[in-house]
């Protein structure tokens, strides 16, 4: 498995499943065209682009390019890389018929095409052996910080989400994943103490 610094943005859950089997990085779904109305996800993408950078990996059809363009518009000045899978005629195994444009999406292309797309776009590959393992925020850290399992945890989480400009409807598990993309355990303590 290849570790990448940037968060990878894909269109749907099957793309996420495919890519998560190849790389170790946060993978965020746009849920297709729902990204156009999802302000909270837009705020999350903007935060990720500014903190660690994002790689947009959408299908090579017209819908994929519309979504890619929209993401560029909402992210603004953050670090954006564009990874492109080749236009290959075909049908995904799980589908009964060809797509409108008769092209394979991210979920349908061979693994090597995705890895090459990531290499070609300038993704930051991290060598796990030479890179010092970073301490991750755990569920216990969230509990100790009063963000879960306590009487006022929901209120504390909302204050933290507001402070970090993150969507307000994030579950505790999703919060854990996002926080590990953005801050260290020590930074979490600093942010919580300032609430």
C-alpha atoms as a PDB file:
ATOM      1  CA  UNK A   1       0.000   0.000   0.000  1.00  0.00           C
ATOM      2  CA  UNK A   2       1.289   3.438  -0.946  1.00  0.00           C
ATOM      3  CA  UNK A   3       1.109   6.294   1.557  1.00  0.00           C
ATOM      4  CA  UNK A   4       0.214   9.712   0.136  1.00  0.00           C
ATOM      5  CA  UNK A   5       0.223  13.054   1.929  1.00  0.00           C
ATOM      6  CA  UNK A   6      -2.700  14.620   0.075  1.00  0.00           C
ATOM      7  CA  UNK A   7      -6.383  13.717   0.506  1.00  0.00           C
ATOM      8  CA  UNK A   8      -7.844  12.046  -2.588  1.00  0.00           C
ATOM      9  CA  UNK A   9     -11.257  13.186  -3.820  1.00  0.00           C
ATOM     10  CA  UNK A  10     -13.347  10.644  -5.745  1.00  0.00           C
ATOM     11  CA  UNK A  11     -16.912  10.631  -7.053  1.00  0.00           C
ATOM     12  CA  UNK A  12     -18.580   7.708  -5.292  1.00  0.00           C
ATOM     13  CA  UNK A  13     -18.364   4.822  -2.856  1.00  0.00           C
ATOM     14  CA  UNK A  14     -17.165   2.267  -5.419  1.00  0.00           C
ATOM     15  CA  UNK A  15     -14.351   4.593  -6.454  1.00  0.00           C
ATOM     16  CA  UNK A  16     -13.464   4.991  -2.772  1.00  0.00           C
ATOM     17  CA  UNK A  17     -13.425   1.226  -2.249  1.00  0.00           C
ATOM     18  CA  UNK A  18     -11.141   0.755  -5.277  1.00  0.00           C
ATOM     19  CA  UNK A  19      -8.700   3.520  -4.324  1.00  0.00           C
ATOM     20  CA  UNK A  20      -8.625   2.603  -0.610  1.00  0.00           C
ATOM     21  CA  UNK A  21      -7.242  -0.802  -1.596  1.00  0.00           C
ATOM     22  CA  UNK A  22      -4.273   0.903  -3.260  1.00  0.00           C
ATOM     23  CA  UNK A  23      -3.291   3.887  -1.127  1.00  0.00           C
ATOM     24  CA  UNK A  24      -3.054   4.978   2.472  1.00  0.00           C
ATOM     25  CA  UNK A  25      -4.523   8.488   2.465  1.00  0.00           C
ATOM     26  CA  UNK A  26      -7.809  10.147   3.355  1.00  0.00           C
ATOM     27  CA  UNK A  27     -10.302   9.454   0.567  1.00  0.00           C
ATOM     28  CA  UNK A  28     -13.350  11.714   0.349  1.00  0.00           C
ATOM     29  CA  UNK A  29     -16.415  11.033  -1.826  1.00  0.00           C
ATOM     30  CA  UNK A  30     -18.253  13.849  -3.572  1.00  0.00           C
ATOM     31  CA  UNK A  31     -21.344  11.639  -3.923  1.00  0.00           C
ATOM     32  CA  UNK A  32     -21.485  12.672  -7.551  1.00  0.00           C
ATOM     33  CA  UNK A  33     -23.368  15.881  -8.261  1.00  0.00           C
ATOM     34  CA  UNK A  34     -24.471  16.187  -4.605  1.00  0.00           C
ATOM     35  CA  UNK A  35     -21.259  18.153  -4.099  1.00  0.00           C
ATOM     36  CA  UNK A  36     -23.018  21.096  -5.777  1.00  0.00           C
ATOM     37  CA  UNK A  37     -25.427  21.456  -2.838  1.00  0.00           C
ATOM     38  CA  UNK A  38     -23.331  20.114   0.043  1.00  0.00           C
ATOM     39  CA  UNK A  39     -21.869  23.235   1.655  1.00  0.00           C
ATOM     40  CA  UNK A  40     -20.379  21.297   4.524  1.00  0.00           C
ATOM     41  CA  UNK A  41     -18.482  18.933   2.267  1.00  0.00           C
ATOM     42  CA  UNK A  42     -17.328  21.959   0.259  1.00  0.00           C
ATOM     43  CA  UNK A  43     -15.967  23.498   3.470  1.00  0.00           C
ATOM     44  CA  UNK A  44     -14.221  20.216   4.311  1.00  0.00           C
ATOM     45  CA  UNK A  45     -12.570  20.056   0.870  1.00  0.00           C
ATOM     46  CA  UNK A  46     -11.410  23.658   1.209  1.00  0.00           C
ATOM     47  CA  UNK A  47      -9.925  22.926   4.644  1.00  0.00           C
ATOM     48  CA  UNK A  48      -8.160  19.797   3.389  1.00  0.00           C
ATOM     49  CA  UNK A  49      -6.794  21.635   0.332  1.00  0.00           C
ATOM     50  CA  UNK A  50      -5.306  24.341   2.515  1.00  0.00           C
ATOM     51  CA  UNK A  51      -3.923  22.034   5.201  1.00  0.00           C
ATOM     52  CA  UNK A  52      -2.512  19.053   3.266  1.00  0.00           C
ATOM     53  CA  UNK A  53      -3.557  19.427  -0.370  1.00  0.00           C
ATOM     54  CA  UNK A  54      -6.054  17.427  -2.382  1.00  0.00           C
ATOM     55  CA  UNK A  55      -5.882  15.226  -5.454  1.00  0.00           C
ATOM     56  CA  UNK A  56      -8.988  15.195  -7.615  1.00  0.00           C
ATOM     57  CA  UNK A  57      -9.442  11.722  -9.141  1.00  0.00           C
ATOM     58  CA  UNK A  58     -12.753  11.708 -11.002  1.00  0.00           C
ATOM     59  CA  UNK A  59     -13.887   9.653 -13.982  1.00  0.00           C
ATOM     60  CA  UNK A  60     -12.705  10.775 -17.417  1.00  0.00           C
ATOM     61  CA  UNK A  61     -16.245  11.384 -18.653  1.00  0.00           C
ATOM     62  CA  UNK A  62     -17.996  14.745 -18.944  1.00  0.00           C
ATOM     63  CA  UNK A  63     -19.631  14.399 -15.500  1.00  0.00           C
ATOM     64  CA  UNK A  64     -16.214  13.805 -13.930  1.00  0.00           C
ATOM     65  CA  UNK A  65     -14.862  16.976 -15.512  1.00  0.00           C
ATOM     66  CA  UNK A  66     -17.868  19.023 -14.340  1.00  0.00           C
ATOM     67  CA  UNK A  67     -17.332  17.796 -10.773  1.00  0.00           C
ATOM     68  CA  UNK A  68     -13.579  18.446 -11.039  1.00  0.00           C
ATOM     69  CA  UNK A  69     -14.216  22.010 -12.215  1.00  0.00           C
ATOM     70  CA  UNK A  70     -16.701  22.654  -9.411  1.00  0.00           C
ATOM     71  CA  UNK A  71     -14.230  21.442  -6.786  1.00  0.00           C
ATOM     72  CA  UNK A  72     -11.552  23.773  -8.176  1.00  0.00           C
ATOM     73  CA  UNK A  73     -14.020  26.636  -7.878  1.00  0.00           C
ATOM     74  CA  UNK A  74     -14.940  25.988  -4.257  1.00  0.00           C
ATOM     75  CA  UNK A  75     -11.432  25.213  -3.021  1.00  0.00           C
ATOM     76  CA  UNK A  76      -9.867  28.411  -4.285  1.00  0.00           C
ATOM     77  CA  UNK A  77      -6.252  28.937  -3.303  1.00  0.00           C
ATOM     78  CA  UNK A  78      -5.600  25.565  -1.686  1.00  0.00           C
ATOM     79  CA  UNK A  79      -3.201  23.008  -3.158  1.00  0.00           C
ATOM     80  CA  UNK A  80      -5.001  21.047  -5.878  1.00  0.00           C
ATOM     81  CA  UNK A  81      -3.525  18.276  -7.994  1.00  0.00           C
ATOM     82  CA  UNK A  82      -5.409  16.622 -10.854  1.00  0.00           C
ATOM     83  CA  UNK A  83      -5.044  12.891 -11.455  1.00  0.00           C
ATOM     84  CA  UNK A  84      -6.558  11.536 -14.659  1.00  0.00           C
ATOM     85  CA  UNK A  85      -7.398   7.946 -15.510  1.00  0.00           C
ATOM     86  CA  UNK A  86      -7.281   7.184 -19.251  1.00  0.00           C
ATOM     87  CA  UNK A  87     -10.400   7.034 -21.391  1.00  0.00           C
ATOM     88  CA  UNK A  88     -10.972   3.296 -21.769  1.00  0.00           C
ATOM     89  CA  UNK A  89     -14.081   1.901 -23.389  1.00  0.00           C
ATOM     90  CA  UNK A  90     -15.824  -0.659 -21.243  1.00  0.00           C
ATOM     91  CA  UNK A  91     -18.286  -1.461 -18.487  1.00  0.00           C
ATOM     92  CA  UNK A  92     -17.711  -1.916 -14.756  1.00  0.00           C
ATOM     93  CA  UNK A  93     -18.295  -5.496 -13.553  1.00  0.00           C
ATOM     94  CA  UNK A  94     -21.061  -4.504 -11.146  1.00  0.00           C
ATOM     95  CA  UNK A  95     -23.086  -2.707 -13.834  1.00  0.00           C
ATOM     96  CA  UNK A  96     -25.480  -4.370 -16.252  1.00  0.00           C
ATOM     97  CA  UNK A  97     -24.865  -1.922 -19.093  1.00  0.00           C
ATOM     98  CA  UNK A  98     -22.363   0.588 -20.409  1.00  0.00           C
ATOM     99  CA  UNK A  99     -22.318   4.110 -19.050  1.00  0.00           C
ATOM    100  CA  UNK A 100     -23.695   6.963 -21.149  1.00  0.00           C
ATOM    101  CA  UNK A 101     -20.249   7.693 -22.603  1.00  0.00           C
ATOM    102  CA  UNK A 102     -19.234   4.003 -22.668  1.00  0.00           C
ATOM    103  CA  UNK A 103     -16.101   4.682 -20.579  1.00  0.00           C
ATOM    104  CA  UNK A 104     -14.723   2.907 -17.537  1.00  0.00           C
ATOM    105  CA  UNK A 105     -14.686   5.031 -14.416  1.00  0.00           C
ATOM    106  CA  UNK A 106     -12.105   5.047 -11.621  1.00  0.00           C
ATOM    107  CA  UNK A 107     -13.642   1.900 -10.142  1.00  0.00           C
ATOM    108  CA  UNK A 108     -13.285   0.012 -13.423  1.00  0.00           C
ATOM    109  CA  UNK A 109      -9.722   0.725 -14.532  1.00  0.00           C
ATOM    110  CA  UNK A 110      -6.737  -1.424 -13.638  1.00  0.00           C
ATOM    111  CA  UNK A 111      -4.871  -0.563 -10.445  1.00  0.00           C
ATOM    112  CA  UNK A 112      -1.763   0.439 -12.384  1.00  0.00           C
ATOM    113  CA  UNK A 113      -3.667   3.240 -14.149  1.00  0.00           C
ATOM    114  CA  UNK A 114      -4.646   4.772 -10.801  1.00  0.00           C
ATOM    115  CA  UNK A 115      -1.118   4.510  -9.385  1.00  0.00           C
ATOM    116  CA  UNK A 116       0.323   6.068 -12.556  1.00  0.00           C
ATOM    117  CA  UNK A 117      -2.278   8.850 -12.470  1.00  0.00           C
ATOM    118  CA  UNK A 118      -1.243   9.654  -8.902  1.00  0.00           C
ATOM    119  CA  UNK A 119       2.457   9.614  -9.799  1.00  0.00           C
ATOM    120  CA  UNK A 120       1.913  11.768 -12.881  1.00  0.00           C
ATOM    121  CA  UNK A 121      -0.096  14.423 -11.038  1.00  0.00           C
ATOM    122  CA  UNK A 122       2.700  15.081  -8.540  1.00  0.00           C
ATOM    123  CA  UNK A 123       1.270  13.347  -5.466  1.00  0.00           C
ATOM    124  CA  UNK A 124       3.533  13.399  -2.421  1.00  0.00           C
ATOM    125  CA  UNK A 125       4.475   9.776  -1.801  1.00  0.00           C
ATOM    126  CA  UNK A 126       5.696   9.041   1.713  1.00  0.00           C
ATOM    127  CA  UNK A 127       8.216   6.311   2.391  1.00  0.00           C
ATOM    128  CA  UNK A 128       6.790   4.607   5.477  1.00  0.00           C
ATOM    129  CA  UNK A 129      10.148   3.159   6.505  1.00  0.00           C
ATOM    130  CA  UNK A 130      12.072   6.433   6.507  1.00  0.00           C
ATOM    131  CA  UNK A 131       9.192   8.584   7.690  1.00  0.00           C
ATOM    132  CA  UNK A 132       8.789   8.805  11.444  1.00  0.00           C
ATOM    133  CA  UNK A 133       5.419   7.397  12.407  1.00  0.00           C
ATOM    134  CA  UNK A 134       3.194  10.253  13.467  1.00  0.00           C
ATOM    135  CA  UNK A 135       1.187   9.849  16.620  1.00  0.00           C
ATOM    136  CA  UNK A 136      -2.477   9.589  15.705  1.00  0.00           C
ATOM    137  CA  UNK A 137      -5.455  10.962  17.605  1.00  0.00           C
ATOM    138  CA  UNK A 138      -7.415   8.061  19.106  1.00  0.00           C
ATOM    139  CA  UNK A 139     -10.954   7.616  20.411  1.00  0.00           C
ATOM    140  CA  UNK A 140      -9.494   7.772  23.911  1.00  0.00           C
ATOM    141  CA  UNK A 141      -8.029  11.195  23.068  1.00  0.00           C
ATOM    142  CA  UNK A 142     -11.498  12.354  21.976  1.00  0.00           C
ATOM    143  CA  UNK A 143     -12.985  11.042  25.221  1.00  0.00           C
ATOM    144  CA  UNK A 144     -10.264  12.629  27.374  1.00  0.00           C
ATOM    145  CA  UNK A 145     -10.807  15.931  25.561  1.00  0.00           C
ATOM    146  CA  UNK A 146     -14.527  15.753  26.374  1.00  0.00           C
ATOM    147  CA  UNK A 147     -15.541  15.334  22.730  1.00  0.00           C
ATOM    148  CA  UNK A 148     -17.244  11.938  23.176  1.00  0.00           C
ATOM    149  CA  UNK A 149     -18.929   9.998  25.946  1.00  0.00           C
ATOM    150  CA  UNK A 150     -19.585  12.939  28.258  1.00  0.00           C
ATOM    151  CA  UNK A 151     -22.679  14.941  29.146  1.00  0.00           C
ATOM    152  CA  UNK A 152     -21.661  18.005  27.103  1.00  0.00           C
ATOM    153  CA  UNK A 153     -19.689  16.166  24.374  1.00  0.00           C
ATOM    154  CA  UNK A 154     -22.078  17.100  21.576  1.00  0.00           C
ATOM    155  CA  UNK A 155     -21.745  20.797  22.448  1.00  0.00           C
ATOM    156  CA  UNK A 156     -17.947  20.515  22.686  1.00  0.00           C
ATOM    157  CA  UNK A 157     -17.779  18.763  19.296  1.00  0.00           C
ATOM    158  CA  UNK A 158     -19.871  21.516  17.711  1.00  0.00           C
ATOM    159  CA  UNK A 159     -17.585  24.189  19.138  1.00  0.00           C
ATOM    160  CA  UNK A 160     -14.540  22.302  17.850  1.00  0.00           C
ATOM    161  CA  UNK A 161     -16.100  21.853  14.406  1.00  0.00           C
ATOM    162  CA  UNK A 162     -16.935  25.571  14.259  1.00  0.00           C
ATOM    163  CA  UNK A 163     -13.407  26.510  15.326  1.00  0.00           C
ATOM    164  CA  UNK A 164     -11.870  24.270  12.634  1.00  0.00           C
ATOM    165  CA  UNK A 165     -14.456  25.349  10.015  1.00  0.00           C
ATOM    166  CA  UNK A 166     -15.663  21.776   9.536  1.00  0.00           C
ATOM    167  CA  UNK A 167     -19.156  20.437   8.745  1.00  0.00           C
ATOM    168  CA  UNK A 168     -21.445  20.266  11.781  1.00  0.00           C
ATOM    169  CA  UNK A 169     -22.917  16.812  11.058  1.00  0.00           C
ATOM    170  CA  UNK A 170     -19.719  14.794  11.367  1.00  0.00           C
ATOM    171  CA  UNK A 171     -19.920  11.554  13.329  1.00  0.00           C
ATOM    172  CA  UNK A 172     -17.341  10.809  16.018  1.00  0.00           C
ATOM    173  CA  UNK A 173     -15.624   8.254  13.760  1.00  0.00           C
ATOM    174  CA  UNK A 174     -15.507  10.680  10.832  1.00  0.00           C
ATOM    175  CA  UNK A 175     -14.242  13.389  13.179  1.00  0.00           C
ATOM    176  CA  UNK A 176     -11.398  11.118  14.223  1.00  0.00           C
ATOM    177  CA  UNK A 177     -10.370  10.530  10.591  1.00  0.00           C
ATOM    178  CA  UNK A 178     -10.593  14.224   9.701  1.00  0.00           C
ATOM    179  CA  UNK A 179      -8.698  15.388  12.770  1.00  0.00           C
ATOM    180  CA  UNK A 180      -5.886  12.967  11.937  1.00  0.00           C
ATOM    181  CA  UNK A 181      -5.707  14.640   8.510  1.00  0.00           C
ATOM    182  CA  UNK A 182      -5.483  18.111   9.969  1.00  0.00           C
ATOM    183  CA  UNK A 183      -3.832  18.213  13.396  1.00  0.00           C
ATOM    184  CA  UNK A 184      -1.675  16.273  15.853  1.00  0.00           C
ATOM    185  CA  UNK A 185      -2.799  15.046  19.295  1.00  0.00           C
ATOM    186  CA  UNK A 186      -0.905  17.951  20.904  1.00  0.00           C
ATOM    187  CA  UNK A 187      -2.610  20.455  18.605  1.00  0.00           C
ATOM    188  CA  UNK A 188      -5.968  18.879  19.481  1.00  0.00           C
ATOM    189  CA  UNK A 189      -5.305  19.557  23.167  1.00  0.00           C
ATOM    190  CA  UNK A 190      -4.413  23.169  22.395  1.00  0.00           C
ATOM    191  CA  UNK A 191      -7.536  23.695  20.285  1.00  0.00           C
ATOM    192  CA  UNK A 192      -9.837  22.079  22.890  1.00  0.00           C
ATOM    193  CA  UNK A 193      -8.343  24.131  25.728  1.00  0.00           C
ATOM    194  CA  UNK A 194      -9.070  27.306  23.734  1.00  0.00           C
ATOM    195  CA  UNK A 195     -12.780  26.461  23.319  1.00  0.00           C
END
